[in-house]
């Protein structure tokens, strides 16, 4: 890992903490939170697969 890679790891952890805090502010049940997380994961996976399939 280069020095720049550490910044990306720290930035990613900060983004996840921010997203987790925002989700916790809604005070949703765990079941609903997991459902939303899986939905967003599927959306990003589909977008990534579509982008790669189109030669991006």
PDB file of N, CA and C in Angstrom:
ATOM      1  N   UNK A   1       0.828  -1.184   0.000  1.00  0.00           N
ATOM      2  CA  UNK A   1       0.000   0.000   0.000  1.00  0.00           C
ATOM      3  C   UNK A   1       0.872   1.246   0.000  1.00  0.00           C
ATOM      4  N   UNK A   2       0.469   2.181  -0.803  1.00  0.00           N
ATOM      5  CA  UNK A   2       1.182   3.452  -0.808  1.00  0.00           C
ATOM      6  C   UNK A   2       0.579   4.376   0.240  1.00  0.00           C
ATOM      7  N   UNK A   3       1.177   5.525   0.428  1.00  0.00           N
ATOM      8  CA  UNK A   3       0.678   6.486   1.399  1.00  0.00           C
ATOM      9  C   UNK A   3      -0.720   6.982   1.066  1.00  0.00           C
ATOM     10  N   UNK A   4      -1.030   7.086  -0.232  1.00  0.00           N
ATOM     11  CA  UNK A   4      -2.343   7.577  -0.654  1.00  0.00           C
ATOM     12  C   UNK A   4      -3.446   6.579  -0.340  1.00  0.00           C
ATOM     13  N   UNK A   5      -3.136   5.298  -0.345  1.00  0.00           N
ATOM     14  CA  UNK A   5      -4.140   4.273  -0.063  1.00  0.00           C
ATOM     15  C   UNK A   5      -4.703   4.418   1.342  1.00  0.00           C
ATOM     16  N   UNK A   6      -3.887   4.852   2.283  1.00  0.00           N
ATOM     17  CA  UNK A   6      -4.367   5.020   3.658  1.00  0.00           C
ATOM     18  C   UNK A   6      -5.431   6.108   3.734  1.00  0.00           C
ATOM     19  N   UNK A   7      -5.284   7.157   2.921  1.00  0.00           N
ATOM     20  CA  UNK A   7      -6.295   8.203   2.900  1.00  0.00           C
ATOM     21  C   UNK A   7      -7.632   7.649   2.415  1.00  0.00           C
ATOM     22  N   UNK A   8      -7.587   6.784   1.443  1.00  0.00           N
ATOM     23  CA  UNK A   8      -8.814   6.188   0.925  1.00  0.00           C
ATOM     24  C   UNK A   8      -9.482   5.293   1.970  1.00  0.00           C
ATOM     25  N   UNK A   9      -8.703   4.559   2.743  1.00  0.00           N
ATOM     26  CA  UNK A   9      -9.260   3.718   3.806  1.00  0.00           C
ATOM     27  C   UNK A   9      -9.910   4.588   4.875  1.00  0.00           C
ATOM     28  N   UNK A  10      -9.240   5.648   5.269  1.00  0.00           N
ATOM     29  CA  UNK A  10      -9.791   6.561   6.283  1.00  0.00           C
ATOM     30  C   UNK A  10     -11.046   7.244   5.744  1.00  0.00           C
ATOM     31  N   UNK A  11     -11.013   7.679   4.498  1.00  0.00           N
ATOM     32  CA  UNK A  11     -12.169   8.329   3.894  1.00  0.00           C
ATOM     33  C   UNK A  11     -13.349   7.363   3.823  1.00  0.00           C
ATOM     34  N   UNK A  12     -13.104   6.118   3.438  1.00  0.00           N
ATOM     35  CA  UNK A  12     -14.171   5.118   3.363  1.00  0.00           C
ATOM     36  C   UNK A  12     -14.783   4.844   4.723  1.00  0.00           C
ATOM     37  N   UNK A  13     -13.951   4.752   5.758  1.00  0.00           N
ATOM     38  CA  UNK A  13     -14.466   4.528   7.108  1.00  0.00           C
ATOM     39  C   UNK A  13     -15.303   5.717   7.568  1.00  0.00           C
ATOM     40  N   UNK A  14     -14.878   6.924   7.234  1.00  0.00           N
ATOM     41  CA  UNK A  14     -15.631   8.118   7.615  1.00  0.00           C
ATOM     42  C   UNK A  14     -16.983   8.153   6.915  1.00  0.00           C
ATOM     43  N   UNK A  15     -17.018   7.787   5.653  1.00  0.00           N
ATOM     44  CA  UNK A  15     -18.274   7.768   4.903  1.00  0.00           C
ATOM     45  C   UNK A  15     -19.232   6.738   5.501  1.00  0.00           C
ATOM     46  N   UNK A  16     -18.711   5.562   5.830  1.00  0.00           N
ATOM     47  CA  UNK A  16     -19.556   4.537   6.444  1.00  0.00           C
ATOM     48  C   UNK A  16     -20.084   4.988   7.801  1.00  0.00           C
ATOM     49  N   UNK A  17     -19.262   5.662   8.581  1.00  0.00           N
ATOM     50  CA  UNK A  17     -19.702   6.160   9.884  1.00  0.00           C
ATOM     51  C   UNK A  17     -20.789   7.217   9.711  1.00  0.00           C
ATOM     52  N   UNK A  18     -20.625   8.090   8.728  1.00  0.00           N
ATOM     53  CA  UNK A  18     -21.630   9.113   8.464  1.00  0.00           C
ATOM     54  C   UNK A  18     -22.944   8.486   8.016  1.00  0.00           C
ATOM     55  N   UNK A  19     -22.867   7.510   7.129  1.00  0.00           N
ATOM     56  CA  UNK A  19     -24.079   6.845   6.651  1.00  0.00           C
ATOM     57  C   UNK A  19     -24.755   6.079   7.787  1.00  0.00           C
ATOM     58  N   UNK A  20     -23.969   5.433   8.624  1.00  0.00           N
ATOM     59  CA  UNK A  20     -24.530   4.714   9.768  1.00  0.00           C
ATOM     60  C   UNK A  20     -25.206   5.653  10.757  1.00  0.00           C
ATOM     61  N   UNK A  21     -24.602   6.800  10.984  1.00  0.00           N
ATOM     62  CA  UNK A  21     -25.199   7.793  11.872  1.00  0.00           C
ATOM     63  C   UNK A  21     -26.505   8.336  11.321  1.00  0.00           C
ATOM     64  N   UNK A  22     -26.534   8.581  10.023  1.00  0.00           N
ATOM     65  CA  UNK A  22     -27.764   9.072   9.400  1.00  0.00           C
ATOM     66  C   UNK A  22     -28.866   8.026   9.475  1.00  0.00           C
ATOM     67  N   UNK A  23     -28.504   6.772   9.264  1.00  0.00           N
ATOM     68  CA  UNK A  23     -29.488   5.695   9.347  1.00  0.00           C
ATOM     69  C   UNK A  23     -29.993   5.523  10.773  1.00  0.00           C
ATOM     70  N   UNK A  24     -29.100   5.651  11.747  1.00  0.00           N
ATOM     71  CA  UNK A  24     -29.497   5.518  13.151  1.00  0.00           C
ATOM     72  C   UNK A  24     -30.420   6.650  13.576  1.00  0.00           C
ATOM     73  N   UNK A  25     -30.299   7.811  12.951  1.00  0.00           N
ATOM     74  CA  UNK A  25     -31.146   8.949  13.294  1.00  0.00           C
ATOM     75  C   UNK A  25     -32.610   8.688  12.959  1.00  0.00           C
ATOM     76  N   UNK A  26     -32.862   7.817  12.000  1.00  0.00           N
ATOM     77  CA  UNK A  26     -34.233   7.478  11.653  1.00  0.00           C
ATOM     78  C   UNK A  26     -34.871   6.510  12.644  1.00  0.00           C
ATOM     79  N   UNK A  27     -34.062   5.882  13.487  1.00  0.00           N
ATOM     80  CA  UNK A  27     -34.527   4.926  14.497  1.00  0.00           C
ATOM     81  C   UNK A  27     -35.391   3.823  13.889  1.00  0.00           C
ATOM     82  N   UNK A  28     -34.886   3.233  12.803  1.00  0.00           N
ATOM     83  CA  UNK A  28     -35.590   2.136  12.153  1.00  0.00           C
ATOM     84  C   UNK A  28     -35.300   0.832  12.876  1.00  0.00           C
ATOM     85  N   UNK A  29     -36.130  -0.143  12.637  1.00  0.00           N
ATOM     86  CA  UNK A  29     -35.868  -1.460  13.204  1.00  0.00           C
ATOM     87  C   UNK A  29     -34.687  -2.090  12.455  1.00  0.00           C
ATOM     88  N   UNK A  30     -34.073  -3.068  13.081  1.00  0.00           N
ATOM     89  CA  UNK A  30     -32.925  -3.735  12.448  1.00  0.00           C
ATOM     90  C   UNK A  30     -33.341  -4.417  11.154  1.00  0.00           C
ATOM     91  N   UNK A  31     -34.526  -5.010  11.147  1.00  0.00           N
ATOM     92  CA  UNK A  31     -34.990  -5.714   9.951  1.00  0.00           C
ATOM     93  C   UNK A  31     -35.123  -4.743   8.779  1.00  0.00           C
ATOM     94  N   UNK A  32     -35.715  -3.591   9.026  1.00  0.00           N
ATOM     95  CA  UNK A  32     -35.891  -2.605   7.961  1.00  0.00           C
ATOM     96  C   UNK A  32     -34.537  -2.042   7.517  1.00  0.00           C
ATOM     97  N   UNK A  33     -33.622  -1.816   8.452  1.00  0.00           N
ATOM     98  CA  UNK A  33     -32.293  -1.301   8.121  1.00  0.00           C
ATOM     99  C   UNK A  33     -31.534  -2.265   7.225  1.00  0.00           C
ATOM    100  N   UNK A  34     -31.589  -3.552   7.567  1.00  0.00           N
ATOM    101  CA  UNK A  34     -30.903  -4.564   6.749  1.00  0.00           C
ATOM    102  C   UNK A  34     -31.540  -4.640   5.371  1.00  0.00           C
ATOM    103  N   UNK A  35     -32.862  -4.538   5.316  1.00  0.00           N
ATOM    104  CA  UNK A  35     -33.561  -4.562   4.030  1.00  0.00           C
ATOM    105  C   UNK A  35     -33.111  -3.403   3.145  1.00  0.00           C
ATOM    106  N   UNK A  36     -33.055  -2.203   3.722  1.00  0.00           N
ATOM    107  CA  UNK A  36     -32.611  -1.043   2.948  1.00  0.00           C
ATOM    108  C   UNK A  36     -31.162  -1.192   2.498  1.00  0.00           C
ATOM    109  N   UNK A  37     -30.315  -1.712   3.370  1.00  0.00           N
ATOM    110  CA  UNK A  37     -28.908  -1.908   3.012  1.00  0.00           C
ATOM    111  C   UNK A  37     -28.774  -2.893   1.857  1.00  0.00           C
ATOM    112  N   UNK A  38     -29.548  -3.967   1.889  1.00  0.00           N
ATOM    113  CA  UNK A  38     -29.493  -4.949   0.799  1.00  0.00           C
ATOM    114  C   UNK A  38     -30.028  -4.366  -0.509  1.00  0.00           C
ATOM    115  N   UNK A  39     -31.069  -3.564  -0.422  1.00  0.00           N
ATOM    116  CA  UNK A  39     -31.607  -2.926  -1.627  1.00  0.00           C
ATOM    117  C   UNK A  39     -30.554  -2.022  -2.261  1.00  0.00           C
ATOM    118  N   UNK A  40     -29.890  -1.181  -1.440  1.00  0.00           N
ATOM    119  CA  UNK A  40     -28.863  -0.285  -1.972  1.00  0.00           C
ATOM    120  C   UNK A  40     -27.673  -1.072  -2.526  1.00  0.00           C
ATOM    121  N   UNK A  41     -27.304  -2.166  -1.869  1.00  0.00           N
ATOM    122  CA  UNK A  41     -26.205  -3.002  -2.368  1.00  0.00           C
ATOM    123  C   UNK A  41     -26.555  -3.575  -3.739  1.00  0.00           C
ATOM    124  N   UNK A  42     -27.796  -4.012  -3.917  1.00  0.00           N
ATOM    125  CA  UNK A  42     -28.225  -4.540  -5.210  1.00  0.00           C
ATOM    126  C   UNK A  42     -28.228  -3.459  -6.281  1.00  0.00           C
ATOM    127  N   UNK A  43     -28.647  -2.263  -5.922  1.00  0.00           N
ATOM    128  CA  UNK A  43     -28.654  -1.151  -6.890  1.00  0.00           C
ATOM    129  C   UNK A  43     -27.236  -0.842  -7.353  1.00  0.00           C
ATOM    130  N   UNK A  44     -26.290  -0.740  -6.409  1.00  0.00           N
ATOM    131  CA  UNK A  44     -24.915  -0.437  -6.786  1.00  0.00           C
ATOM    132  C   UNK A  44     -24.270  -1.592  -7.558  1.00  0.00           C
ATOM    133  N   UNK A  45     -24.589  -2.822  -7.193  1.00  0.00           N
ATOM    134  CA  UNK A  45     -24.048  -3.971  -7.926  1.00  0.00           C
ATOM    135  C   UNK A  45     -24.576  -3.986  -9.355  1.00  0.00           C
ATOM    136  N   UNK A  46     -25.867  -3.721  -9.537  1.00  0.00           N
ATOM    137  CA  UNK A  46     -26.444  -3.689 -10.884  1.00  0.00           C
ATOM    138  C   UNK A  46     -25.834  -2.568 -11.715  1.00  0.00           C
ATOM    139  N   UNK A  47     -25.642  -1.402 -11.111  1.00  0.00           N
ATOM    140  CA  UNK A  47     -25.042  -0.281 -11.845  1.00  0.00           C
ATOM    141  C   UNK A  47     -23.605  -0.611 -12.246  1.00  0.00           C
ATOM    142  N   UNK A  48     -22.864  -1.247 -11.343  1.00  0.00           N
ATOM    143  CA  UNK A  48     -21.481  -1.632 -11.640  1.00  0.00           C
ATOM    144  C   UNK A  48     -21.443  -2.666 -12.765  1.00  0.00           C
ATOM    145  N   UNK A  49     -22.294  -3.661 -12.705  1.00  0.00           N
ATOM    146  CA  UNK A  49     -22.328  -4.687 -13.758  1.00  0.00           C
ATOM    147  C   UNK A  49     -22.733  -4.087 -15.100  1.00  0.00           C
ATOM    148  N   UNK A  50     -23.703  -3.186 -15.093  1.00  0.00           N
ATOM    149  CA  UNK A  50     -24.118  -2.541 -16.330  1.00  0.00           C
ATOM    150  C   UNK A  50     -23.001  -1.693 -16.910  1.00  0.00           C
ATOM    151  N   UNK A  51     -22.318  -0.944 -16.072  1.00  0.00           N
ATOM    152  CA  UNK A  51     -21.203  -0.112 -16.508  1.00  0.00           C
ATOM    153  C   UNK A  51     -20.090  -0.960 -17.123  1.00  0.00           C
ATOM    154  N   UNK A  52     -19.766  -2.093 -16.472  1.00  0.00           N
ATOM    155  CA  UNK A  52     -18.716  -2.967 -16.994  1.00  0.00           C
ATOM    156  C   UNK A  52     -19.165  -3.684 -18.267  1.00  0.00           C
ATOM    157  N   UNK A  53     -20.443  -4.015 -18.374  1.00  0.00           N
ATOM    158  CA  UNK A  53     -20.938  -4.704 -19.560  1.00  0.00           C
ATOM    159  C   UNK A  53     -20.917  -3.788 -20.779  1.00  0.00           C
ATOM    160  N   UNK A  54     -21.098  -2.499 -20.556  1.00  0.00           N
ATOM    161  CA  UNK A  54     -21.104  -1.549 -21.665  1.00  0.00           C
ATOM    162  C   UNK A  54     -19.706  -1.083 -22.043  1.00  0.00           C
ATOM    163  N   UNK A  55     -18.694  -1.664 -21.416  1.00  0.00           N
ATOM    164  CA  UNK A  55     -17.329  -1.358 -21.795  1.00  0.00           C
ATOM    165  C   UNK A  55     -16.750  -0.148 -21.088  1.00  0.00           C
ATOM    166  N   UNK A  56     -17.276   0.193 -19.944  1.00  0.00           N
ATOM    167  CA  UNK A  56     -16.782   1.369 -19.208  1.00  0.00           C
ATOM    168  C   UNK A  56     -15.578   1.074 -18.492  1.00  0.00           C
TER     169      UNK A  56
END
